[in-house]
PDB file of N, CA and C in Angstrom:
ATOM      1  N   MET A   1     -10.183 -15.525 -17.808  1.00  0.00           N
ATOM      2  CA  MET A   1     -10.102 -14.845 -16.536  1.00  0.00           C
ATOM      3  C   MET A   1      -8.696 -14.295 -16.359  1.00  0.00           C
ATOM      4  N   ARG A   2      -8.613 -13.117 -15.703  1.00  0.00           N
ATOM      5  CA  ARG A   2      -7.299 -12.545 -15.412  1.00  0.00           C
ATOM      6  C   ARG A   2      -7.357 -11.852 -14.061  1.00  0.00           C
ATOM      7  N   PHE A   3      -6.258 -11.889 -13.355  1.00  0.00           N
ATOM      8  CA  PHE A   3      -6.158 -11.186 -12.083  1.00  0.00           C
ATOM      9  C   PHE A   3      -5.974  -9.701 -12.374  1.00  0.00           C
ATOM     10  N   VAL A   4      -6.680  -8.829 -11.662  1.00  0.00           N
ATOM     11  CA  VAL A   4      -6.594  -7.403 -11.904  1.00  0.00           C
ATOM     12  C   VAL A   4      -5.746  -6.708 -10.842  1.00  0.00           C
ATOM     13  N   ASN A   5      -6.141  -6.762  -9.586  1.00  0.00           N
ATOM     14  CA  ASN A   5      -5.364  -6.102  -8.542  1.00  0.00           C
ATOM     15  C   ASN A   5      -5.889  -6.457  -7.162  1.00  0.00           C
ATOM     16  N   PRO A   6      -5.034  -6.361  -6.142  1.00  0.00           N
ATOM     17  CA  PRO A   6      -5.529  -6.496  -4.769  1.00  0.00           C
ATOM     18  C   PRO A   6      -6.153  -5.173  -4.337  1.00  0.00           C
ATOM     19  N   ILE A   7      -7.081  -5.239  -3.422  1.00  0.00           N
ATOM     20  CA  ILE A   7      -7.681  -4.024  -2.882  1.00  0.00           C
ATOM     21  C   ILE A   7      -7.607  -4.124  -1.361  1.00  0.00           C
ATOM     22  N   PRO A   8      -6.586  -3.509  -0.752  1.00  0.00           N
ATOM     23  CA  PRO A   8      -6.514  -3.568   0.699  1.00  0.00           C
ATOM     24  C   PRO A   8      -7.582  -2.710   1.363  1.00  0.00           C
ATOM     25  N   PHE A   9      -8.093  -3.212   2.476  1.00  0.00           N
ATOM     26  CA  PHE A   9      -9.012  -2.455   3.308  1.00  0.00           C
ATOM     27  C   PHE A   9      -8.164  -1.453   4.091  1.00  0.00           C
ATOM     28  N   VAL A  10      -8.632  -0.211   4.203  1.00  0.00           N
ATOM     29  CA  VAL A  10      -7.929   0.806   4.991  1.00  0.00           C
ATOM     30  C   VAL A  10      -8.905   1.410   5.994  1.00  0.00           C
ATOM     31  N   SER A  11      -8.376   1.808   7.133  1.00  0.00           N
ATOM     32  CA  SER A  11      -9.245   2.338   8.190  1.00  0.00           C
ATOM     33  C   SER A  11      -9.601   3.802   7.994  1.00  0.00           C
ATOM     34  N   ASP A  12      -8.748   4.557   7.297  1.00  0.00           N
ATOM     35  CA  ASP A  12      -8.983   5.981   7.067  1.00  0.00           C
ATOM     36  C   ASP A  12      -8.606   6.276   5.619  1.00  0.00           C
ATOM     37  N   ILE A  13      -9.599   6.355   4.754  1.00  0.00           N
ATOM     38  CA  ILE A  13      -9.349   6.498   3.312  1.00  0.00           C
ATOM     39  C   ILE A  13      -8.570   7.767   2.986  1.00  0.00           C
ATOM     40  N   ASP A  14      -8.860   8.869   3.678  1.00  0.00           N
ATOM     41  CA  ASP A  14      -8.150  10.115   3.383  1.00  0.00           C
ATOM     42  C   ASP A  14      -6.671  10.015   3.769  1.00  0.00           C
ATOM     43  N   ARG A  15      -6.394   9.423   4.918  1.00  0.00           N
ATOM     44  CA  ARG A  15      -5.006   9.244   5.351  1.00  0.00           C
ATOM     45  C   ARG A  15      -4.250   8.331   4.385  1.00  0.00           C
ATOM     46  N   SER A  16      -4.867   7.218   3.989  1.00  0.00           N
ATOM     47  CA  SER A  16      -4.198   6.287   3.085  1.00  0.00           C
ATOM     48  C   SER A  16      -4.047   6.866   1.680  1.00  0.00           C
ATOM     49  N   LYS A  17      -5.067   7.588   1.219  1.00  0.00           N
ATOM     50  CA  LYS A  17      -4.981   8.232  -0.097  1.00  0.00           C
ATOM     51  C   LYS A  17      -3.825   9.230  -0.101  1.00  0.00           C
ATOM     52  N   ALA A  18      -3.716  10.043   0.940  1.00  0.00           N
ATOM     53  CA  ALA A  18      -2.620  11.010   1.030  1.00  0.00           C
ATOM     54  C   ALA A  18      -1.271  10.301   1.087  1.00  0.00           C
ATOM     55  N   PHE A  19      -1.177   9.202   1.815  1.00  0.00           N
ATOM     56  CA  PHE A  19       0.079   8.458   1.914  1.00  0.00           C
ATOM     57  C   PHE A  19       0.506   7.942   0.540  1.00  0.00           C
ATOM     58  N   TYR A  20      -0.385   7.240  -0.141  1.00  0.00           N
ATOM     59  CA  TYR A  20      -0.005   6.646  -1.427  1.00  0.00           C
ATOM     60  C   TYR A  20       0.192   7.713  -2.512  1.00  0.00           C
ATOM     61  N   ARG A  21      -0.527   8.810  -2.437  1.00  0.00           N
ATOM     62  CA  ARG A  21      -0.361   9.896  -3.408  1.00  0.00           C
ATOM     63  C   ARG A  21       0.870  10.748  -3.082  1.00  0.00           C
ATOM     64  N   ASP A  22       0.974  11.241  -1.861  1.00  0.00           N
ATOM     65  CA  ASP A  22       1.998  12.226  -1.520  1.00  0.00           C
ATOM     66  C   ASP A  22       3.341  11.609  -1.143  1.00  0.00           C
ATOM     67  N   VAL A  23       3.333  10.505  -0.425  1.00  0.00           N
ATOM     68  CA  VAL A  23       4.582   9.885   0.011  1.00  0.00           C
ATOM     69  C   VAL A  23       5.094   8.894  -1.027  1.00  0.00           C
ATOM     70  N   MET A  24       4.221   8.012  -1.508  1.00  0.00           N
ATOM     71  CA  MET A  24       4.634   7.005  -2.489  1.00  0.00           C
ATOM     72  C   MET A  24       4.722   7.577  -3.906  1.00  0.00           C
ATOM     73  N   GLY A  25       4.011   8.669  -4.172  1.00  0.00           N
ATOM     74  CA  GLY A  25       4.078   9.299  -5.484  1.00  0.00           C
ATOM     75  C   GLY A  25       3.172   8.681  -6.538  1.00  0.00           C
ATOM     76  N   LEU A  26       2.133   7.944  -6.112  1.00  0.00           N
ATOM     77  CA  LEU A  26       1.202   7.346  -7.072  1.00  0.00           C
ATOM     78  C   LEU A  26       0.190   8.392  -7.524  1.00  0.00           C
ATOM     79  N   LYS A  27      -0.206   8.319  -8.785  1.00  0.00           N
ATOM     80  CA  LYS A  27      -1.186   9.253  -9.337  1.00  0.00           C
ATOM     81  C   LYS A  27      -2.579   8.624  -9.277  1.00  0.00           C
ATOM     82  N   ILE A  28      -3.541   9.408  -8.827  1.00  0.00           N
ATOM     83  CA  ILE A  28      -4.913   8.931  -8.707  1.00  0.00           C
ATOM     84  C   ILE A  28      -5.568   8.933 -10.086  1.00  0.00           C
ATOM     85  N   LEU A  29      -6.133   7.798 -10.445  1.00  0.00           N
ATOM     86  CA  LEU A  29      -6.876   7.670 -11.693  1.00  0.00           C
ATOM     87  C   LEU A  29      -8.350   7.979 -11.451  1.00  0.00           C
ATOM     88  N   SER A  30      -8.918   7.406 -10.380  1.00  0.00           N
ATOM     89  CA  SER A  30     -10.320   7.636 -10.023  1.00  0.00           C
ATOM     90  C   SER A  30     -10.444   7.688  -8.515  1.00  0.00           C
ATOM     91  N   ASP A  31     -11.275   8.611  -8.024  1.00  0.00           N
ATOM     92  CA  ASP A  31     -11.529   8.730  -6.594  1.00  0.00           C
ATOM     93  C   ASP A  31     -13.037   8.762  -6.401  1.00  0.00           C
ATOM     94  N   PHE A  32     -13.568   7.694  -5.801  1.00  0.00           N
ATOM     95  CA  PHE A  32     -14.999   7.576  -5.580  1.00  0.00           C
ATOM     96  C   PHE A  32     -15.365   7.765  -4.110  1.00  0.00           C
ATOM     97  N   GLY A  33     -14.500   8.458  -3.370  1.00  0.00           N
ATOM     98  CA  GLY A  33     -14.759   8.693  -1.952  1.00  0.00           C
ATOM     99  C   GLY A  33     -14.224   7.573  -1.086  1.00  0.00           C
ATOM    100  N   SER A  34     -14.925   6.445  -1.052  1.00  0.00           N
ATOM    101  CA  SER A  34     -14.474   5.321  -0.233  1.00  0.00           C
ATOM    102  C   SER A  34     -13.599   4.342  -1.009  1.00  0.00           C
ATOM    103  N   PHE A  35     -13.397   4.592  -2.297  1.00  0.00           N
ATOM    104  CA  PHE A  35     -12.571   3.735  -3.159  1.00  0.00           C
ATOM    105  C   PHE A  35     -11.688   4.620  -4.030  1.00  0.00           C
ATOM    106  N   VAL A  36     -10.389   4.340  -4.031  1.00  0.00           N
ATOM    107  CA  VAL A  36      -9.449   5.127  -4.826  1.00  0.00           C
ATOM    108  C   VAL A  36      -8.627   4.168  -5.695  1.00  0.00           C
ATOM    109  N   LEU A  37      -8.607   4.446  -6.994  1.00  0.00           N
ATOM    110  CA  LEU A  37      -7.827   3.663  -7.950  1.00  0.00           C
ATOM    111  C   LEU A  37      -6.681   4.531  -8.450  1.00  0.00           C
ATOM    112  N   PHE A  38      -5.471   3.987  -8.386  1.00  0.00           N
ATOM    113  CA  PHE A  38      -4.293   4.699  -8.851  1.00  0.00           C
ATOM    114  C   PHE A  38      -3.939   4.243 -10.256  1.00  0.00           C
ATOM    115  N   GLU A  39      -3.181   5.061 -10.995  1.00  0.00           N
ATOM    116  CA  GLU A  39      -2.826   4.755 -12.380  1.00  0.00           C
ATOM    117  C   GLU A  39      -2.119   3.418 -12.533  1.00  0.00           C
ATOM    118  N   THR A  40      -1.406   2.977 -11.516  1.00  0.00           N
ATOM    119  CA  THR A  40      -0.663   1.718 -11.603  1.00  0.00           C
ATOM    120  C   THR A  40      -1.566   0.486 -11.515  1.00  0.00           C
ATOM    121  N   GLY A  41      -2.842   0.685 -11.162  1.00  0.00           N
ATOM    122  CA  GLY A  41      -3.749  -0.434 -10.955  1.00  0.00           C
ATOM    123  C   GLY A  41      -3.924  -0.755  -9.484  1.00  0.00           C
ATOM    124  N   PHE A  42      -3.062  -0.189  -8.634  1.00  0.00           N
ATOM    125  CA  PHE A  42      -3.207  -0.368  -7.201  1.00  0.00           C
ATOM    126  C   PHE A  42      -4.444   0.399  -6.758  1.00  0.00           C
ATOM    127  N   ALA A  43      -5.187  -0.147  -5.797  1.00  0.00           N
ATOM    128  CA  ALA A  43      -6.400   0.502  -5.316  1.00  0.00           C
ATOM    129  C   ALA A  43      -6.505   0.316  -3.809  1.00  0.00           C
ATOM    130  N   ILE A  44      -7.234   1.226  -3.168  1.00  0.00           N
ATOM    131  CA  ILE A  44      -7.526   1.111  -1.743  1.00  0.00           C
ATOM    132  C   ILE A  44      -9.020   1.331  -1.540  1.00  0.00           C
ATOM    133  N   HIS A  45      -9.562   0.719  -0.499  1.00  0.00           N
ATOM    134  CA  HIS A  45     -10.989   0.860  -0.216  1.00  0.00           C
ATOM    135  C   HIS A  45     -11.169   1.059   1.277  1.00  0.00           C
ATOM    136  N   GLU A  46     -12.009   2.013   1.645  1.00  0.00           N
ATOM    137  CA  GLU A  46     -12.306   2.238   3.056  1.00  0.00           C
ATOM    138  C   GLU A  46     -12.942   0.964   3.597  1.00  0.00           C
ATOM    139  N   GLY A  47     -12.345   0.403   4.656  1.00  0.00           N
ATOM    140  CA  GLY A  47     -12.702  -0.918   5.149  1.00  0.00           C
ATOM    141  C   GLY A  47     -14.159  -1.106   5.508  1.00  0.00           C
ATOM    142  N   GLN A  48     -14.722  -0.218   6.338  1.00  0.00           N
ATOM    143  CA  GLN A  48     -16.110  -0.411   6.748  1.00  0.00           C
ATOM    144  C   GLN A  48     -17.076  -0.306   5.574  1.00  0.00           C
ATOM    145  N   ALA A  49     -16.796   0.566   4.625  1.00  0.00           N
ATOM    146  CA  ALA A  49     -17.661   0.673   3.442  1.00  0.00           C
ATOM    147  C   ALA A  49     -17.613  -0.617   2.628  1.00  0.00           C
ATOM    148  N   LEU A  50     -16.415  -1.185   2.461  1.00  0.00           N
ATOM    149  CA  LEU A  50     -16.290  -2.429   1.695  1.00  0.00           C
ATOM    150  C   LEU A  50     -16.909  -3.600   2.457  1.00  0.00           C
ATOM    151  N   GLU A  51     -16.772  -3.601   3.770  1.00  0.00           N
ATOM    152  CA  GLU A  51     -17.411  -4.649   4.574  1.00  0.00           C
ATOM    153  C   GLU A  51     -18.926  -4.608   4.393  1.00  0.00           C
ATOM    154  N   ARG A  52     -19.516  -3.394   4.373  1.00  0.00           N
ATOM    155  CA  ARG A  52     -20.961  -3.266   4.156  1.00  0.00           C
ATOM    156  C   ARG A  52     -21.343  -3.745   2.752  1.00  0.00           C
ATOM    157  N   THR A  53     -20.481  -3.466   1.764  1.00  0.00           N
ATOM    158  CA  THR A  53     -20.763  -3.899   0.393  1.00  0.00           C
ATOM    159  C   THR A  53     -20.718  -5.417   0.281  1.00  0.00           C
ATOM    160  N   ILE A  54     -19.716  -6.037   0.864  1.00  0.00           N
ATOM    161  CA  ILE A  54     -19.534  -7.482   0.718  1.00  0.00           C
ATOM    162  C   ILE A  54     -20.431  -8.269   1.664  1.00  0.00           C
ATOM    163  N   TRP A  55     -20.376  -7.930   2.969  1.00  0.00           N
ATOM    164  CA  TRP A  55     -21.066  -8.733   3.985  1.00  0.00           C
ATOM    165  C   TRP A  55     -22.329  -8.067   4.510  1.00  0.00           C
ATOM    166  N   LYS A  56     -22.695  -6.917   3.965  1.00  0.00           N
ATOM    167  CA  LYS A  56     -23.910  -6.165   4.321  1.00  0.00           C
ATOM    168  C   LYS A  56     -23.857  -5.548   5.710  1.00  0.00           C
ATOM    169  N   ALA A  57     -22.706  -5.634   6.397  1.00  0.00           N
ATOM    170  CA  ALA A  57     -22.522  -4.994   7.703  1.00  0.00           C
ATOM    171  C   ALA A  57     -21.033  -4.968   8.000  1.00  0.00           C
ATOM    172  N   PRO A  58     -20.575  -3.958   8.743  1.00  0.00           N
ATOM    173  CA  PRO A  58     -19.161  -3.950   9.131  1.00  0.00           C
ATOM    174  C   PRO A  58     -18.866  -5.138  10.046  1.00  0.00           C
ATOM    175  N   THR A  59     -17.679  -5.696   9.928  1.00  0.00           N
ATOM    176  CA  THR A  59     -17.303  -6.786  10.823  1.00  0.00           C
ATOM    177  C   THR A  59     -17.074  -6.232  12.215  1.00  0.00           C
ATOM    178  N   GLU A  60     -17.125  -7.083  13.188  1.00  0.00           N
ATOM    179  CA  GLU A  60     -16.924  -6.659  14.563  1.00  0.00           C
ATOM    180  C   GLU A  60     -15.491  -6.892  15.017  1.00  0.00           C
ATOM    181  N   ALA A  61     -14.612  -7.294  14.120  1.00  0.00           N
ATOM    182  CA  ALA A  61     -13.216  -7.541  14.476  1.00  0.00           C
ATOM    183  C   ALA A  61     -12.553  -6.229  14.875  1.00  0.00           C
ATOM    184  N   SER A  62     -11.715  -6.302  15.889  1.00  0.00           N
ATOM    185  CA  SER A  62     -11.038  -5.094  16.346  1.00  0.00           C
ATOM    186  C   SER A  62      -9.567  -5.064  15.926  1.00  0.00           C
ATOM    187  N   GLU A  63      -9.128  -6.084  15.190  1.00  0.00           N
ATOM    188  CA  GLU A  63      -7.733  -6.112  14.750  1.00  0.00           C
ATOM    189  C   GLU A  63      -7.511  -5.095  13.633  1.00  0.00           C
ATOM    190  N   PRO A  64      -6.272  -4.615  13.485  1.00  0.00           N
ATOM    191  CA  PRO A  64      -5.979  -3.723  12.359  1.00  0.00           C
ATOM    192  C   PRO A  64      -6.090  -4.501  11.049  1.00  0.00           C
ATOM    193  N   TYR A  65      -6.280  -3.794   9.973  1.00  0.00           N
ATOM    194  CA  TYR A  65      -6.397  -4.463   8.672  1.00  0.00           C
ATOM    195  C   TYR A  65      -5.095  -5.131   8.262  1.00  0.00           C
ATOM    196  N   GLY A  66      -3.969  -4.438   8.382  1.00  0.00           N
ATOM    197  CA  GLY A  66      -2.682  -5.035   8.010  1.00  0.00           C
ATOM    198  C   GLY A  66      -2.222  -6.018   9.070  1.00  0.00           C
ATOM    199  N   ARG A  67      -2.006  -7.273   8.694  1.00  0.00           N
ATOM    200  CA  ARG A  67      -1.661  -8.296   9.675  1.00  0.00           C
ATOM    201  C   ARG A  67      -0.417  -9.076   9.294  1.00  0.00           C
ATOM    202  N   GLN A  68       0.470  -8.477   8.528  1.00  0.00           N
ATOM    203  CA  GLN A  68       1.731  -9.095   8.121  1.00  0.00           C
ATOM    204  C   GLN A  68       1.520 -10.409   7.378  1.00  0.00           C
ATOM    205  N   ASN A  69       0.456 -10.480   6.577  1.00  0.00           N
ATOM    206  CA  ASN A  69       0.217 -11.682   5.793  1.00  0.00           C
ATOM    207  C   ASN A  69       0.110 -11.401   4.297  1.00  0.00           C
ATOM    208  N   VAL A  70       0.327 -10.138   3.918  1.00  0.00           N
ATOM    209  CA  VAL A  70       0.344  -9.733   2.510  1.00  0.00           C
ATOM    210  C   VAL A  70       1.434  -8.684   2.359  1.00  0.00           C
ATOM    211  N   LEU A  71       2.126  -8.717   1.229  1.00  0.00           N
ATOM    212  CA  LEU A  71       3.171  -7.726   0.943  1.00  0.00           C
ATOM    213  C   LEU A  71       2.807  -7.023  -0.356  1.00  0.00           C
ATOM    214  N   PHE A  72       2.701  -5.692  -0.323  1.00  0.00           N
ATOM    215  CA  PHE A  72       2.443  -4.915  -1.537  1.00  0.00           C
ATOM    216  C   PHE A  72       3.784  -4.546  -2.140  1.00  0.00           C
ATOM    217  N   TYR A  73       3.996  -4.902  -3.404  1.00  0.00           N
ATOM    218  CA  TYR A  73       5.285  -4.717  -4.059  1.00  0.00           C
ATOM    219  C   TYR A  73       5.200  -3.601  -5.087  1.00  0.00           C
ATOM    220  N   PHE A  74       6.140  -2.653  -5.004  1.00  0.00           N
ATOM    221  CA  PHE A  74       6.257  -1.555  -5.951  1.00  0.00           C
ATOM    222  C   PHE A  74       7.692  -1.515  -6.461  1.00  0.00           C
ATOM    223  N   GLU A  75       7.898  -0.909  -7.614  1.00  0.00           N
ATOM    224  CA  GLU A  75       9.243  -0.694  -8.138  1.00  0.00           C
ATOM    225  C   GLU A  75       9.461   0.791  -8.364  1.00  0.00           C
ATOM    226  N   ASP A  76      10.726   1.213  -8.232  1.00  0.00           N
ATOM    227  CA  ASP A  76      11.100   2.595  -8.501  1.00  0.00           C
ATOM    228  C   ASP A  76      12.463   2.584  -9.180  1.00  0.00           C
ATOM    229  N   ASP A  77      12.592   3.326 -10.281  1.00  0.00           N
ATOM    230  CA  ASP A  77      13.861   3.379 -11.026  1.00  0.00           C
ATOM    231  C   ASP A  77      14.992   3.970 -10.195  1.00  0.00           C
ATOM    232  N   ASP A  78      14.657   4.826  -9.234  1.00  0.00           N
ATOM    233  CA  ASP A  78      15.672   5.447  -8.375  1.00  0.00           C
ATOM    234  C   ASP A  78      15.351   5.087  -6.933  1.00  0.00           C
ATOM    235  N   ILE A  79      15.752   3.892  -6.539  1.00  0.00           N
ATOM    236  CA  ILE A  79      15.391   3.377  -5.208  1.00  0.00           C
ATOM    237  C   ILE A  79      15.989   4.205  -4.082  1.00  0.00           C
ATOM    238  N   ASP A  80      17.171   4.779  -4.294  1.00  0.00           N
ATOM    239  CA  ASP A  80      17.787   5.586  -3.244  1.00  0.00           C
ATOM    240  C   ASP A  80      16.966   6.841  -2.966  1.00  0.00           C
ATOM    241  N   THR A  81      16.500   7.510  -4.008  1.00  0.00           N
ATOM    242  CA  THR A  81      15.654   8.696  -3.840  1.00  0.00           C
ATOM    243  C   THR A  81      14.310   8.310  -3.242  1.00  0.00           C
ATOM    244  N   ALA A  82      13.745   7.183  -3.677  1.00  0.00           N
ATOM    245  CA  ALA A  82      12.477   6.712  -3.118  1.00  0.00           C
ATOM    246  C   ALA A  82      12.626   6.451  -1.621  1.00  0.00           C
ATOM    247  N   PHE A  83      13.727   5.827  -1.233  1.00  0.00           N
ATOM    248  CA  PHE A  83      13.958   5.552   0.184  1.00  0.00           C
ATOM    249  C   PHE A  83      14.037   6.858   0.981  1.00  0.00           C
ATOM    250  N   GLU A  84      14.783   7.825   0.478  1.00  0.00           N
ATOM    251  CA  GLU A  84      14.913   9.112   1.176  1.00  0.00           C
ATOM    252  C   GLU A  84      13.558   9.808   1.305  1.00  0.00           C
ATOM    253  N   ARG A  85      12.708   9.704   0.283  1.00  0.00           N
ATOM    254  CA  ARG A  85      11.399  10.350   0.287  1.00  0.00           C
ATOM    255  C   ARG A  85      10.434   9.651   1.252  1.00  0.00           C
ATOM    256  N   ILE A  86      10.489   8.328   1.316  1.00  0.00           N
ATOM    257  CA  ILE A  86       9.492   7.547   2.050  1.00  0.00           C
ATOM    258  C   ILE A  86       9.892   7.269   3.493  1.00  0.00           C
ATOM    259  N   ALA A  87      11.161   6.979   3.756  1.00  0.00           N
ATOM    260  CA  ALA A  87      11.610   6.470   5.056  1.00  0.00           C
ATOM    261  C   ALA A  87      11.202   7.348   6.238  1.00  0.00           C
ATOM    262  N   GLN A  88      11.208   8.647   6.062  1.00  0.00           N
ATOM    263  CA  GLN A  88      10.876   9.547   7.176  1.00  0.00           C
ATOM    264  C   GLN A  88       9.397   9.535   7.542  1.00  0.00           C
ATOM    265  N   HIS A  89       8.564   8.916   6.706  1.00  0.00           N
ATOM    266  CA  HIS A  89       7.112   8.913   6.924  1.00  0.00           C
ATOM    267  C   HIS A  89       6.557   7.564   7.381  1.00  0.00           C
ATOM    268  N   VAL A  90       7.410   6.562   7.527  1.00  0.00           N
ATOM    269  CA  VAL A  90       6.923   5.200   7.772  1.00  0.00           C
ATOM    270  C   VAL A  90       7.685   4.512   8.896  1.00  0.00           C
ATOM    271  N   ALA A  91       7.135   3.405   9.355  1.00  0.00           N
ATOM    272  CA  ALA A  91       7.860   2.512  10.259  1.00  0.00           C
ATOM    273  C   ALA A  91       8.588   1.511   9.362  1.00  0.00           C
ATOM    274  N   LEU A  92       9.899   1.636   9.314  1.00  0.00           N
ATOM    275  CA  LEU A  92      10.691   0.759   8.445  1.00  0.00           C
ATOM    276  C   LEU A  92      10.743  -0.663   8.990  1.00  0.00           C
ATOM    277  N   ILE A  93      10.654  -1.613   8.089  1.00  0.00           N
ATOM    278  CA  ILE A  93      10.964  -2.999   8.421  1.00  0.00           C
ATOM    279  C   ILE A  93      12.474  -3.160   8.290  1.00  0.00           C
ATOM    280  N   HIS A  94      13.027  -2.629   7.195  1.00  0.00           N
ATOM    281  CA  HIS A  94      14.477  -2.554   7.022  1.00  0.00           C
ATOM    282  C   HIS A  94      14.816  -1.559   5.920  1.00  0.00           C
ATOM    283  N   PRO A  95      16.017  -0.971   5.987  1.00  0.00           N
ATOM    284  CA  PRO A  95      16.450  -0.051   4.933  1.00  0.00           C
ATOM    285  C   PRO A  95      16.803  -0.846   3.666  1.00  0.00           C
ATOM    286  N   ILE A  96      17.356  -0.156   2.690  1.00  0.00           N
ATOM    287  CA  ILE A  96      17.711  -0.814   1.426  1.00  0.00           C
ATOM    288  C   ILE A  96      18.694  -1.949   1.697  1.00  0.00           C
ATOM    289  N   GLU A  97      18.340  -3.120   1.190  1.00  0.00           N
ATOM    290  CA  GLU A  97      19.190  -4.308   1.296  1.00  0.00           C
ATOM    291  C   GLU A  97      19.232  -4.992  -0.053  1.00  0.00           C
ATOM    292  N   ARG A  98      20.349  -5.624  -0.350  1.00  0.00           N
ATOM    293  CA  ARG A  98      20.456  -6.427  -1.570  1.00  0.00           C
ATOM    294  C   ARG A  98      19.958  -7.836  -1.247  1.00  0.00           C
ATOM    295  N   GLN A  99      19.017  -8.302  -2.038  1.00  0.00           N
ATOM    296  CA  GLN A  99      18.448  -9.628  -1.832  1.00  0.00           C
ATOM    297  C   GLN A  99      19.329 -10.700  -2.468  1.00  0.00           C
ATOM    298  N   ASP A 100      19.081 -11.956  -2.124  1.00  0.00           N
ATOM    299  CA  ASP A 100      19.876 -13.060  -2.661  1.00  0.00           C
ATOM    300  C   ASP A 100      19.860 -13.093  -4.188  1.00  0.00           C
ATOM    301  N   TRP A 101      18.776 -12.621  -4.809  1.00  0.00           N
ATOM    302  CA  TRP A 101      18.663 -12.633  -6.265  1.00  0.00           C
ATOM    303  C   TRP A 101      19.257 -11.374  -6.906  1.00  0.00           C
ATOM    304  N   GLY A 102      19.888 -10.496  -6.092  1.00  0.00           N
ATOM    305  CA  GLY A 102      20.603  -9.340  -6.610  1.00  0.00           C
ATOM    306  C   GLY A 102      19.857  -8.022  -6.581  1.00  0.00           C
ATOM    307  N   GLN A 103      18.575  -8.047  -6.370  1.00  0.00           N
ATOM    308  CA  GLN A 103      17.761  -6.823  -6.369  1.00  0.00           C
ATOM    309  C   GLN A 103      17.892  -6.078  -5.042  1.00  0.00           C
ATOM    310  N   ARG A 104      17.929  -4.750  -5.109  1.00  0.00           N
ATOM    311  CA  ARG A 104      17.929  -3.914  -3.911  1.00  0.00           C
ATOM    312  C   ARG A 104      16.492  -3.523  -3.585  1.00  0.00           C
ATOM    313  N   VAL A 105      16.100  -3.698  -2.313  1.00  0.00           N
ATOM    314  CA  VAL A 105      14.738  -3.396  -1.877  1.00  0.00           C
ATOM    315  C   VAL A 105      14.772  -2.809  -0.468  1.00  0.00           C
ATOM    316  N   PHE A 106      13.685  -2.110  -0.105  1.00  0.00           N
ATOM    317  CA  PHE A 106      13.438  -1.762   1.292  1.00  0.00           C
ATOM    318  C   PHE A 106      11.979  -2.058   1.581  1.00  0.00           C
ATOM    319  N   ARG A 107      11.681  -2.274   2.869  1.00  0.00           N
ATOM    320  CA  ARG A 107      10.333  -2.652   3.262  1.00  0.00           C
ATOM    321  C   ARG A 107       9.912  -1.823   4.474  1.00  0.00           C
ATOM    322  N   PHE A 108       8.590  -1.569   4.562  1.00  0.00           N
ATOM    323  CA  PHE A 108       8.037  -0.743   5.631  1.00  0.00           C
ATOM    324  C   PHE A 108       6.563  -1.043   5.790  1.00  0.00           C
ATOM    325  N   TYR A 109       5.930  -0.395   6.771  1.00  0.00           N
ATOM    326  CA  TYR A 109       4.493  -0.528   6.994  1.00  0.00           C
ATOM    327  C   TYR A 109       3.782   0.745   6.551  1.00  0.00           C
ATOM    328  N   ASP A 110       2.626   0.575   5.881  1.00  0.00           N
ATOM    329  CA  ASP A 110       1.808   1.720   5.498  1.00  0.00           C
ATOM    330  C   ASP A 110       0.960   2.145   6.704  1.00  0.00           C
ATOM    331  N   PRO A 111       0.096   3.159   6.559  1.00  0.00           N
ATOM    332  CA  PRO A 111      -0.669   3.645   7.711  1.00  0.00           C
ATOM    333  C   PRO A 111      -1.572   2.602   8.376  1.00  0.00           C
ATOM    334  N   ASP A 112      -1.960   1.540   7.662  1.00  0.00           N
ATOM    335  CA  ASP A 112      -2.785   0.485   8.253  1.00  0.00           C
ATOM    336  C   ASP A 112      -1.978  -0.744   8.635  1.00  0.00           C
ATOM    337  N   ASN A 113      -0.659  -0.597   8.642  1.00  0.00           N
ATOM    338  CA  ASN A 113       0.245  -1.678   9.023  1.00  0.00           C
ATOM    339  C   ASN A 113       0.349  -2.787   7.975  1.00  0.00           C
ATOM    340  N   HIS A 114      -0.015  -2.473   6.721  1.00  0.00           N
ATOM    341  CA  HIS A 114       0.235  -3.411   5.628  1.00  0.00           C
ATOM    342  C   HIS A 114       1.723  -3.341   5.306  1.00  0.00           C
ATOM    343  N   ALA A 115       2.333  -4.473   5.024  1.00  0.00           N
ATOM    344  CA  ALA A 115       3.745  -4.506   4.645  1.00  0.00           C
ATOM    345  C   ALA A 115       3.879  -4.084   3.186  1.00  0.00           C
ATOM    346  N   VAL A 116       4.835  -3.182   2.928  1.00  0.00           N
ATOM    347  CA  VAL A 116       5.072  -2.654   1.586  1.00  0.00           C
ATOM    348  C   VAL A 116       6.550  -2.847   1.252  1.00  0.00           C
ATOM    349  N   GLU A 117       6.816  -3.259   0.034  1.00  0.00           N
ATOM    350  CA  GLU A 117       8.182  -3.422  -0.463  1.00  0.00           C
ATOM    351  C   GLU A 117       8.367  -2.528  -1.678  1.00  0.00           C
ATOM    352  N   VAL A 118       9.494  -1.823  -1.724  1.00  0.00           N
ATOM    353  CA  VAL A 118       9.860  -1.053  -2.909  1.00  0.00           C
ATOM    354  C   VAL A 118      11.205  -1.593  -3.369  1.00  0.00           C
ATOM    355  N   GLY A 119      11.254  -2.008  -4.643  1.00  0.00           N
ATOM    356  CA  GLY A 119      12.472  -2.570  -5.189  1.00  0.00           C
ATOM    357  C   GLY A 119      12.866  -1.864  -6.470  1.00  0.00           C
ATOM    358  N   GLU A 120      14.147  -2.030  -6.808  1.00  0.00           N
ATOM    359  CA  GLU A 120      14.606  -1.510  -8.096  1.00  0.00           C
ATOM    360  C   GLU A 120      14.157  -2.509  -9.166  1.00  0.00           C
ATOM    361  N   PRO A 121      13.858  -2.034 -10.373  1.00  0.00           N
ATOM    362  CA  PRO A 121      13.457  -2.948 -11.438  1.00  0.00           C
ATOM    363  C   PRO A 121      14.561  -3.977 -11.697  1.00  0.00           C
ATOM    364  N   MET A 122      14.164  -5.162 -11.987  1.00  0.00           N
ATOM    365  CA  MET A 122      15.132  -6.239 -12.271  1.00  0.00           C
ATOM    366  C   MET A 122      15.566  -6.187 -13.720  1.00  0.00           C
TER     367      MET A 122
END
């Protein structure tokens, strides 16, 4: 057995696909309408469609999908350029900071309020 990837639920697949493609710079490997797989292995799924697939009906919860309990981690060789490209499109958690282990990272929320971290490669 091996872990493959997380699949976050998103409320608007087109908005999230555009965010991860156009703002984050990820390349789409496969687009099945309600499910999008990027070349990096990261994937997104339209929430209500996935709820119907798993539980046979959409959940009645009214909370947003992102609840500050998962962090999506990405790396970029040029973190300063990535920050300049992304920061204007997101709600920042914090700008680039050096972590205790020496790595520079910044964190923000995606369109569904999922926490995202972009760090320089270690």
